[in-house]
Amino acid sequence: MRSLLTVLIAALVVSGCALSPQRIEVDPQVQVKASNVGHNRSVQVVGVDSRGKNEFGSRGGVYDETALLIPSNDIKAAIADTVRNGLQSLGFNAFNPGGDATTLEVRLEQLDYIPEPGSVVNRVDLNLVLQAEARRGPTTHTGTYKSSVEHKTPFTPSLAQNRQMINDILAKAIERLLQDPEMLAFLAGADFPGDSE
């Protein structure tokens, strides 16, 4: 009887460390102070996922190769919608851009979710690289926005916690893009935003 109880306890411990996959809705919420810096200039926003893989990473645990974090929606569309809404709040015409619009391509180059090694996950590192390239005729302006965050938790992160962590780091990068004075100046019509007059 004692040996059977030991086997049952061991089975529960193993099953408790085997984490299931999670589907993450990508929906970054950005904070943008409304202004008219854009002067109604048209901007065509394009979202691109350049990561080369579908998953953000593994949740860790015993079977980490199957406990994947996977987006449940279109990352490209989520990024484009968020940037579009932010630019609209800044006075740009991002909802109905005309034929003379500046193109803003926003590429997610990296978004990695890295759990600490072992069967119990109490620390998660996230690394993100977002690149923006604005084009108007033969002129381009680029910006790169990087972020690394460490999260420590008493328990393995839940679906809600993972969703918040992933959306928060993406939102912060998009906010930096929307607060980049040189990028905003180029989108507003300045061909050489870094030069003084």
Protein backbone atom coordinates (compact mmCIF):
# COMPACT_ATOMS: atom_id res chain seq x y z
CA MET A 1 0.00 0.00 0.00
CA ARG A 2 2.83 2.35 0.90
CA SER A 3 4.61 1.66 -2.41
CA LEU A 4 1.38 2.35 -4.32
CA LEU A 5 0.97 5.66 -2.49
CA THR A 6 4.55 6.59 -3.34
CA VAL A 7 3.93 5.86 -7.03
CA LEU A 8 0.76 7.96 -7.01
CA ILE A 9 2.51 10.91 -5.37
CA ALA A 10 5.38 10.68 -7.87
CA ALA A 11 2.90 10.60 -10.75
CA LEU A 12 1.15 13.70 -9.41
CA VAL A 13 4.46 15.55 -9.07
CA VAL A 14 5.45 14.72 -12.65
CA SER A 15 2.04 15.64 -14.05
CA GLY A 16 2.11 18.89 -12.08
CA CYS A 17 5.33 19.88 -13.81
CA ALA A 18 4.12 18.98 -17.30
CA LEU A 19 2.74 22.23 -18.68
CA SER A 20 0.18 22.47 -21.46
CA PRO A 21 0.48 24.78 -24.49
CA GLN A 22 -1.12 28.22 -24.32
CA ARG A 23 -2.62 30.38 -27.05
CA ILE A 24 -1.86 34.07 -26.53
CA GLU A 25 -4.05 36.83 -27.94
CA VAL A 26 -1.75 39.61 -29.13
CA ASP A 27 -3.46 42.89 -28.25
CA PRO A 28 -0.95 45.51 -27.06
CA GLN A 29 -2.51 48.49 -25.28
CA VAL A 30 -0.49 51.68 -25.72
CA GLN A 31 -0.71 55.00 -23.92
CA VAL A 32 -0.57 57.92 -26.35
CA LYS A 33 -1.16 61.56 -25.45
CA ALA A 34 -3.40 63.06 -28.12
CA SER A 35 -1.81 65.83 -30.19
CA ASN A 36 -1.70 67.26 -33.71
CA VAL A 37 1.97 66.59 -34.44
CA GLY A 38 0.95 64.78 -37.63
CA HIS A 39 -0.99 67.70 -39.18
CA ASN A 40 -3.22 65.17 -40.97
CA ARG A 41 -0.32 63.77 -43.02
CA SER A 42 -1.19 60.39 -44.55
CA VAL A 43 0.63 57.29 -43.30
CA GLN A 44 0.12 53.79 -44.67
CA VAL A 45 0.95 51.34 -41.85
CA VAL A 46 2.11 47.81 -42.66
CA GLY A 47 2.72 45.20 -39.97
CA VAL A 48 5.27 42.41 -40.54
CA ASP A 49 6.20 39.38 -38.44
CA SER A 50 9.85 38.64 -39.30
CA ARG A 51 10.57 36.20 -36.45
CA GLY A 52 10.73 33.10 -38.63
CA LYS A 53 8.71 30.96 -36.22
CA ASN A 54 5.17 30.85 -34.90
CA GLU A 55 5.73 30.32 -31.18
CA PHE A 56 7.07 32.91 -28.74
CA GLY A 57 8.82 30.19 -26.78
CA SER A 58 8.18 27.39 -24.33
CA ARG A 59 6.53 27.59 -20.93
CA GLY A 60 9.22 25.24 -19.63
CA GLY A 61 8.59 22.29 -17.34
CA VAL A 62 9.21 18.60 -17.97
CA TYR A 63 7.99 18.53 -21.59
CA ASP A 64 9.12 21.99 -22.61
CA GLU A 65 9.25 21.12 -26.31
CA THR A 66 5.44 20.75 -26.39
CA ALA A 67 4.47 23.41 -23.81
CA LEU A 68 4.59 26.19 -26.38
CA LEU A 69 3.24 29.73 -26.27
CA ILE A 70 1.51 30.35 -29.61
CA PRO A 71 -0.31 33.46 -30.86
CA SER A 72 -4.05 32.99 -31.27
CA ASN A 73 -4.48 35.84 -33.74
CA ASP A 74 -2.67 37.62 -36.56
CA ILE A 75 0.39 39.35 -35.07
CA LYS A 76 0.91 41.49 -38.16
CA ALA A 77 -2.62 42.87 -38.02
CA ALA A 78 -2.44 43.44 -34.26
CA ILE A 79 0.76 45.48 -34.59
CA ALA A 80 -0.54 47.46 -37.56
CA ASP A 81 -3.84 48.25 -35.83
CA THR A 82 -2.09 49.42 -32.67
CA VAL A 83 0.35 51.66 -34.55
CA ARG A 84 -2.44 52.97 -36.77
CA ASN A 85 -4.59 53.93 -33.80
CA GLY A 86 -1.63 55.58 -32.10
CA LEU A 87 -0.73 57.65 -35.15
CA GLN A 88 -4.34 58.71 -35.56
CA SER A 89 -4.28 60.00 -31.96
CA LEU A 90 -1.16 62.00 -32.85
CA GLY A 91 -2.92 63.80 -35.68
CA PHE A 92 -1.85 61.67 -38.64
CA ASN A 93 -4.28 60.29 -41.20
CA ALA A 94 -3.60 56.59 -40.72
CA PHE A 95 -7.14 55.27 -41.23
CA ASN A 96 -7.75 56.54 -44.78
CA PRO A 97 -4.33 57.42 -46.22
CA GLY A 98 -4.15 58.92 -49.68
CA GLY A 99 -1.96 57.98 -52.63
CA ASP A 100 0.82 60.29 -51.42
CA ALA A 101 1.04 58.55 -48.05
CA THR A 102 4.33 57.79 -46.35
CA THR A 103 4.64 54.03 -45.85
CA LEU A 104 5.52 52.89 -42.34
CA GLU A 105 6.53 49.23 -42.14
CA VAL A 106 6.68 47.95 -38.56
CA ARG A 107 8.51 44.63 -38.25
CA LEU A 108 8.60 42.37 -35.23
CA GLU A 109 12.12 40.98 -35.52
CA GLN A 110 12.23 39.18 -32.17
CA LEU A 111 9.89 38.33 -29.32
CA ASP A 112 11.37 35.52 -27.25
CA TYR A 113 9.87 34.06 -24.08
CA ILE A 114 12.59 32.23 -22.13
CA PRO A 115 11.71 30.34 -18.92
CA GLU A 116 14.35 29.40 -16.38
CA PRO A 117 15.62 25.81 -16.74
CA GLY A 118 14.05 23.09 -14.62
CA SER A 119 10.68 21.58 -13.92
CA VAL A 120 9.42 24.57 -11.89
CA VAL A 121 9.34 27.99 -13.56
CA ASN A 122 9.72 31.00 -11.25
CA ARG A 123 11.55 33.33 -13.62
CA VAL A 124 10.87 34.32 -17.22
CA ASP A 125 12.97 36.53 -19.50
CA LEU A 126 11.46 38.28 -22.51
CA ASN A 127 13.52 39.83 -25.32
CA LEU A 128 12.01 41.96 -28.07
CA VAL A 129 13.25 43.82 -31.15
CA LEU A 130 10.85 46.01 -33.14
CA GLN A 131 12.05 47.77 -36.28
CA ALA A 132 10.24 50.54 -38.13
CA GLU A 133 11.07 51.71 -41.64
CA ALA A 134 9.33 54.76 -43.08
CA ARG A 135 9.54 55.35 -46.84
CA ARG A 136 8.57 58.39 -48.87
CA GLY A 137 9.80 58.36 -52.45
CA PRO A 138 13.55 57.67 -52.47
CA THR A 139 13.95 58.68 -48.82
CA THR A 140 13.77 56.30 -45.86
CA HIS A 141 14.03 56.67 -42.12
CA THR A 142 14.45 53.74 -39.73
CA GLY A 143 14.17 53.20 -36.02
CA THR A 144 14.92 50.16 -33.85
CA TYR A 145 13.28 49.62 -30.48
CA LYS A 146 14.67 46.91 -28.19
CA SER A 147 13.55 45.71 -24.79
CA SER A 148 14.50 42.99 -22.31
CA VAL A 149 12.43 42.25 -19.21
CA GLU A 150 12.82 39.75 -16.37
CA HIS A 151 9.74 38.55 -14.50
CA LYS A 152 9.91 36.64 -11.22
CA THR A 153 6.82 34.79 -10.02
CA PRO A 154 6.12 32.51 -7.03
CA PHE A 155 4.36 30.06 -9.33
CA THR A 156 4.54 29.08 -12.99
CA PRO A 157 2.87 31.94 -14.92
CA SER A 158 -0.77 31.45 -15.88
CA LEU A 159 -2.30 32.15 -19.28
CA ALA A 160 -3.42 35.61 -18.12
CA GLN A 161 0.05 36.43 -16.78
CA ASN A 162 1.79 35.29 -19.96
CA ARG A 163 -0.65 37.24 -22.10
CA GLN A 164 0.03 40.37 -20.05
CA MET A 165 3.81 39.93 -20.12
CA ILE A 166 3.92 39.48 -23.89
CA ASN A 167 1.52 42.32 -24.64
CA ASP A 168 3.22 44.67 -22.18
CA ILE A 169 6.68 44.33 -23.72
CA LEU A 170 5.23 44.77 -27.21
CA ALA A 171 3.17 47.78 -26.12
CA LYS A 172 6.22 49.48 -24.59
CA ALA A 173 8.18 49.08 -27.83
CA ILE A 174 5.30 50.51 -29.89
CA GLU A 175 5.02 53.43 -27.45
CA ARG A 176 8.71 54.18 -27.96
CA LEU A 177 8.11 54.20 -31.72
CA LEU A 178 5.18 56.58 -31.29
CA GLN A 179 7.31 58.83 -29.07
CA ASP A 180 10.36 58.86 -31.36
CA PRO A 181 10.70 62.55 -32.35
CA GLU A 182 12.76 61.88 -35.48
CA MET A 183 10.37 59.20 -36.73
CA LEU A 184 7.36 61.43 -36.08
CA ALA A 185 9.07 64.35 -37.83
CA PHE A 186 9.75 62.21 -40.91
CA LEU A 187 6.16 60.94 -40.97
CA ALA A 188 5.00 64.55 -40.71
CA GLY A 189 6.97 65.53 -43.82
CA ALA A 190 10.56 66.27 -42.79
CA ASP A 191 12.95 64.39 -45.08
CA PHE A 192 15.93 64.86 -42.75
CA PRO A 193 14.42 64.87 -39.25
CA GLY A 194 17.78 64.67 -37.47
CA ASP A 195 19.16 67.85 -39.06
CA SER A 196 18.76 71.26 -37.48
CA GLU A 197 17.58 74.17 -39.59
